[in-house]
Amino acid sequence: MGRRHVKEYRPDEALALISADREGRAIHCPSCGSEAMERTPERPAEGGATLGRVVLTCGQCARLVAYIDRAGVSTSPR
């Protein structure tokens, strides 16, 4: 369920974008087809992972998806 005045992707589109971003592939908007996707924070030049909240926003239709990047977080049991 979307928030008022905030355009969000459908779940299947959001999962495809998140998967492509985590793999470092080029991403484009599944809604409008634009390649003007903005990533906040930007991906580090050395290719390292950014931990924390990542927001992907389309520069043309303004749809967005946010996820928590835990690429470097250990998942070992306590």
N, C-alpha and C. Protein backbone atom coordinates (compact mmCIF):
# COMPACT_ATOMS: atom_id res chain seq x y z
N MET A 1 0.85 -1.16 0.00
CA MET A 1 0.00 0.00 0.00
C MET A 1 0.90 1.23 0.00
N GLY A 2 0.71 2.08 -0.97
CA GLY A 2 1.53 3.28 -1.09
C GLY A 2 1.12 4.37 -0.13
N ARG A 3 2.05 5.28 0.07
CA ARG A 3 1.76 6.44 0.91
C ARG A 3 1.18 7.54 0.04
N ARG A 4 0.47 8.46 0.63
CA ARG A 4 -0.16 9.54 -0.11
C ARG A 4 0.89 10.40 -0.80
N HIS A 5 0.68 10.65 -2.09
CA HIS A 5 1.53 11.51 -2.92
C HIS A 5 2.95 10.96 -3.10
N VAL A 6 3.18 9.70 -2.80
CA VAL A 6 4.48 9.08 -3.03
C VAL A 6 4.26 7.94 -4.02
N LYS A 7 4.92 8.03 -5.16
CA LYS A 7 4.79 6.98 -6.17
C LYS A 7 5.80 5.88 -5.87
N GLU A 8 5.31 4.69 -5.64
CA GLU A 8 6.18 3.55 -5.38
C GLU A 8 5.96 2.50 -6.45
N TYR A 9 6.96 1.66 -6.63
CA TYR A 9 6.86 0.58 -7.60
C TYR A 9 5.99 -0.54 -7.05
N ARG A 10 5.42 -1.35 -7.97
CA ARG A 10 4.72 -2.56 -7.56
C ARG A 10 5.76 -3.51 -6.98
N PRO A 11 5.36 -4.44 -6.13
CA PRO A 11 6.33 -5.34 -5.48
C PRO A 11 7.24 -6.09 -6.45
N ASP A 12 6.72 -6.59 -7.56
CA ASP A 12 7.57 -7.32 -8.50
C ASP A 12 8.59 -6.40 -9.16
N GLU A 13 8.20 -5.16 -9.46
CA GLU A 13 9.14 -4.19 -10.03
C GLU A 13 10.21 -3.81 -9.02
N ALA A 14 9.78 -3.61 -7.77
CA ALA A 14 10.73 -3.23 -6.72
C ALA A 14 11.77 -4.32 -6.50
N LEU A 15 11.35 -5.57 -6.45
CA LEU A 15 12.29 -6.67 -6.24
C LEU A 15 13.28 -6.79 -7.40
N ALA A 16 12.82 -6.57 -8.63
CA ALA A 16 13.71 -6.62 -9.78
C ALA A 16 14.75 -5.50 -9.72
N LEU A 17 14.33 -4.29 -9.33
CA LEU A 17 15.27 -3.17 -9.21
C LEU A 17 16.29 -3.41 -8.11
N ILE A 18 15.83 -3.88 -6.96
CA ILE A 18 16.73 -4.13 -5.83
C ILE A 18 17.75 -5.21 -6.20
N SER A 19 17.29 -6.27 -6.85
CA SER A 19 18.18 -7.34 -7.26
C SER A 19 19.24 -6.83 -8.24
N ALA A 20 18.83 -6.06 -9.23
CA ALA A 20 19.78 -5.52 -10.21
C ALA A 20 20.77 -4.58 -9.55
N ASP A 21 20.31 -3.77 -8.60
CA ASP A 21 21.21 -2.84 -7.92
C ASP A 21 22.22 -3.58 -7.06
N ARG A 22 21.78 -4.60 -6.35
CA ARG A 22 22.70 -5.37 -5.51
C ARG A 22 23.76 -6.09 -6.33
N GLU A 23 23.41 -6.50 -7.54
CA GLU A 23 24.36 -7.18 -8.42
C GLU A 23 25.24 -6.20 -9.18
N GLY A 24 24.96 -4.89 -9.06
CA GLY A 24 25.76 -3.88 -9.73
C GLY A 24 25.45 -3.70 -11.20
N ARG A 25 24.32 -4.24 -11.66
CA ARG A 25 23.94 -4.11 -13.06
C ARG A 25 23.33 -2.73 -13.31
N ALA A 26 23.31 -2.33 -14.58
CA ALA A 26 22.66 -1.07 -14.95
C ALA A 26 21.16 -1.23 -14.72
N ILE A 27 20.53 -0.21 -14.17
CA ILE A 27 19.10 -0.29 -13.88
C ILE A 27 18.34 0.75 -14.69
N HIS A 28 17.11 0.40 -15.04
CA HIS A 28 16.22 1.34 -15.71
C HIS A 28 14.84 1.19 -15.09
N CYS A 29 14.03 2.21 -15.23
CA CYS A 29 12.71 2.22 -14.60
C CYS A 29 11.79 1.22 -15.30
N PRO A 30 11.24 0.26 -14.56
CA PRO A 30 10.32 -0.70 -15.18
C PRO A 30 8.96 -0.08 -15.51
N SER A 31 8.67 1.08 -14.94
CA SER A 31 7.39 1.73 -15.15
C SER A 31 7.38 2.56 -16.43
N CYS A 32 8.40 3.43 -16.60
CA CYS A 32 8.42 4.32 -17.77
C CYS A 32 9.54 4.00 -18.75
N GLY A 33 10.49 3.13 -18.38
CA GLY A 33 11.57 2.73 -19.26
C GLY A 33 12.77 3.66 -19.26
N SER A 34 12.74 4.70 -18.45
CA SER A 34 13.83 5.66 -18.40
C SER A 34 15.09 5.05 -17.80
N GLU A 35 16.25 5.49 -18.28
CA GLU A 35 17.52 5.05 -17.72
C GLU A 35 18.06 6.07 -16.72
N ALA A 36 17.26 7.08 -16.40
CA ALA A 36 17.68 8.15 -15.49
C ALA A 36 17.36 7.78 -14.04
N MET A 37 17.92 6.66 -13.58
CA MET A 37 17.70 6.23 -12.20
C MET A 37 18.78 6.84 -11.31
N GLU A 38 18.36 7.38 -10.18
CA GLU A 38 19.28 7.97 -9.22
C GLU A 38 19.38 7.05 -8.00
N ARG A 39 20.60 6.85 -7.52
CA ARG A 39 20.83 6.00 -6.34
C ARG A 39 21.37 6.87 -5.23
N THR A 40 20.74 6.80 -4.07
CA THR A 40 21.19 7.55 -2.90
C THR A 40 21.41 6.58 -1.76
N PRO A 41 22.59 6.49 -1.20
CA PRO A 41 23.84 7.16 -1.57
C PRO A 41 24.40 6.54 -2.84
N GLU A 42 25.26 7.29 -3.52
CA GLU A 42 25.87 6.78 -4.75
C GLU A 42 26.75 5.58 -4.42
N ARG A 43 26.88 4.69 -5.40
CA ARG A 43 27.73 3.51 -5.23
C ARG A 43 29.20 3.96 -5.18
N PRO A 44 29.98 3.45 -4.22
CA PRO A 44 31.39 3.83 -4.12
C PRO A 44 32.16 3.46 -5.39
N ALA A 45 33.13 4.30 -5.75
CA ALA A 45 33.92 4.07 -6.97
C ALA A 45 34.73 2.78 -6.90
N GLU A 46 35.19 2.41 -5.70
CA GLU A 46 36.00 1.21 -5.57
C GLU A 46 35.17 -0.07 -5.56
N GLY A 47 33.85 0.05 -5.72
CA GLY A 47 33.00 -1.12 -5.81
C GLY A 47 32.60 -1.73 -4.49
N GLY A 48 32.92 -1.09 -3.38
CA GLY A 48 32.54 -1.59 -2.08
C GLY A 48 31.06 -1.44 -1.81
N ALA A 49 30.58 -2.15 -0.84
CA ALA A 49 29.17 -2.08 -0.48
C ALA A 49 28.90 -0.87 0.40
N THR A 50 27.71 -0.31 0.24
CA THR A 50 27.27 0.76 1.13
C THR A 50 26.26 0.16 2.09
N LEU A 51 26.54 0.23 3.34
CA LEU A 51 25.62 -0.33 4.32
C LEU A 51 24.59 0.71 4.70
N GLY A 52 23.38 0.27 4.94
CA GLY A 52 22.32 1.18 5.36
C GLY A 52 21.25 1.33 4.29
N ARG A 53 20.46 2.37 4.44
CA ARG A 53 19.32 2.61 3.57
C ARG A 53 19.77 3.08 2.19
N VAL A 54 19.23 2.44 1.16
CA VAL A 54 19.49 2.80 -0.23
C VAL A 54 18.16 3.16 -0.86
N VAL A 55 18.12 4.29 -1.58
CA VAL A 55 16.91 4.73 -2.26
C VAL A 55 17.21 4.83 -3.75
N LEU A 56 16.37 4.18 -4.55
CA LEU A 56 16.46 4.25 -6.00
C LEU A 56 15.26 5.06 -6.50
N THR A 57 15.52 6.15 -7.22
CA THR A 57 14.46 7.04 -7.68
C THR A 57 14.58 7.25 -9.18
N CYS A 58 13.46 7.19 -9.88
CA CYS A 58 13.45 7.46 -11.31
C CYS A 58 13.43 8.97 -11.52
N GLY A 59 14.34 9.48 -12.34
CA GLY A 59 14.41 10.91 -12.60
C GLY A 59 13.29 11.42 -13.48
N GLN A 60 12.60 10.51 -14.18
CA GLN A 60 11.55 10.94 -15.09
C GLN A 60 10.16 10.85 -14.46
N CYS A 61 9.80 9.70 -13.89
CA CYS A 61 8.44 9.55 -13.34
C CYS A 61 8.41 9.67 -11.82
N ALA A 62 9.55 9.81 -11.18
CA ALA A 62 9.69 10.04 -9.73
C ALA A 62 9.24 8.86 -8.86
N ARG A 63 9.11 7.68 -9.43
CA ARG A 63 8.80 6.50 -8.59
C ARG A 63 10.04 6.14 -7.80
N LEU A 64 9.83 5.53 -6.63
CA LEU A 64 10.98 5.20 -5.81
C LEU A 64 10.81 3.86 -5.12
N VAL A 65 11.96 3.31 -4.74
CA VAL A 65 12.01 2.10 -3.92
C VAL A 65 13.17 2.29 -2.96
N ALA A 66 12.98 1.87 -1.72
CA ALA A 66 14.04 1.96 -0.71
C ALA A 66 14.24 0.59 -0.10
N TYR A 67 15.49 0.28 0.21
CA TYR A 67 15.80 -0.99 0.87
C TYR A 67 17.02 -0.81 1.76
N ILE A 68 17.21 -1.76 2.66
CA ILE A 68 18.36 -1.75 3.56
C ILE A 68 19.42 -2.67 2.97
N ASP A 69 20.58 -2.11 2.64
CA ASP A 69 21.68 -2.90 2.09
C ASP A 69 22.51 -3.47 3.23
N ARG A 70 22.51 -4.77 3.35
CA ARG A 70 23.25 -5.44 4.42
C ARG A 70 24.31 -6.35 3.83
N ALA A 71 24.89 -5.96 2.72
CA ALA A 71 25.85 -6.81 2.00
C ALA A 71 27.04 -7.20 2.86
N GLY A 72 27.53 -6.31 3.70
CA GLY A 72 28.71 -6.61 4.49
C GLY A 72 28.42 -7.00 5.92
N VAL A 73 27.15 -7.14 6.26
CA VAL A 73 26.78 -7.47 7.63
C VAL A 73 26.84 -8.97 7.84
N SER A 74 27.47 -9.39 8.91
CA SER A 74 27.57 -10.80 9.23
C SER A 74 26.23 -11.32 9.72
N THR A 75 25.85 -12.51 9.26
CA THR A 75 24.59 -13.11 9.68
C THR A 75 24.82 -14.32 10.57
N SER A 76 25.96 -14.36 11.25
CA SER A 76 26.26 -15.50 12.11
C SER A 76 25.35 -15.50 13.33
N PRO A 77 24.97 -16.68 13.81
CA PRO A 77 24.09 -16.75 14.98
C PRO A 77 24.80 -16.23 16.23
N ARG A 78 24.01 -15.73 17.14
CA ARG A 78 24.57 -15.15 18.37
C ARG A 78 24.80 -16.19 19.41
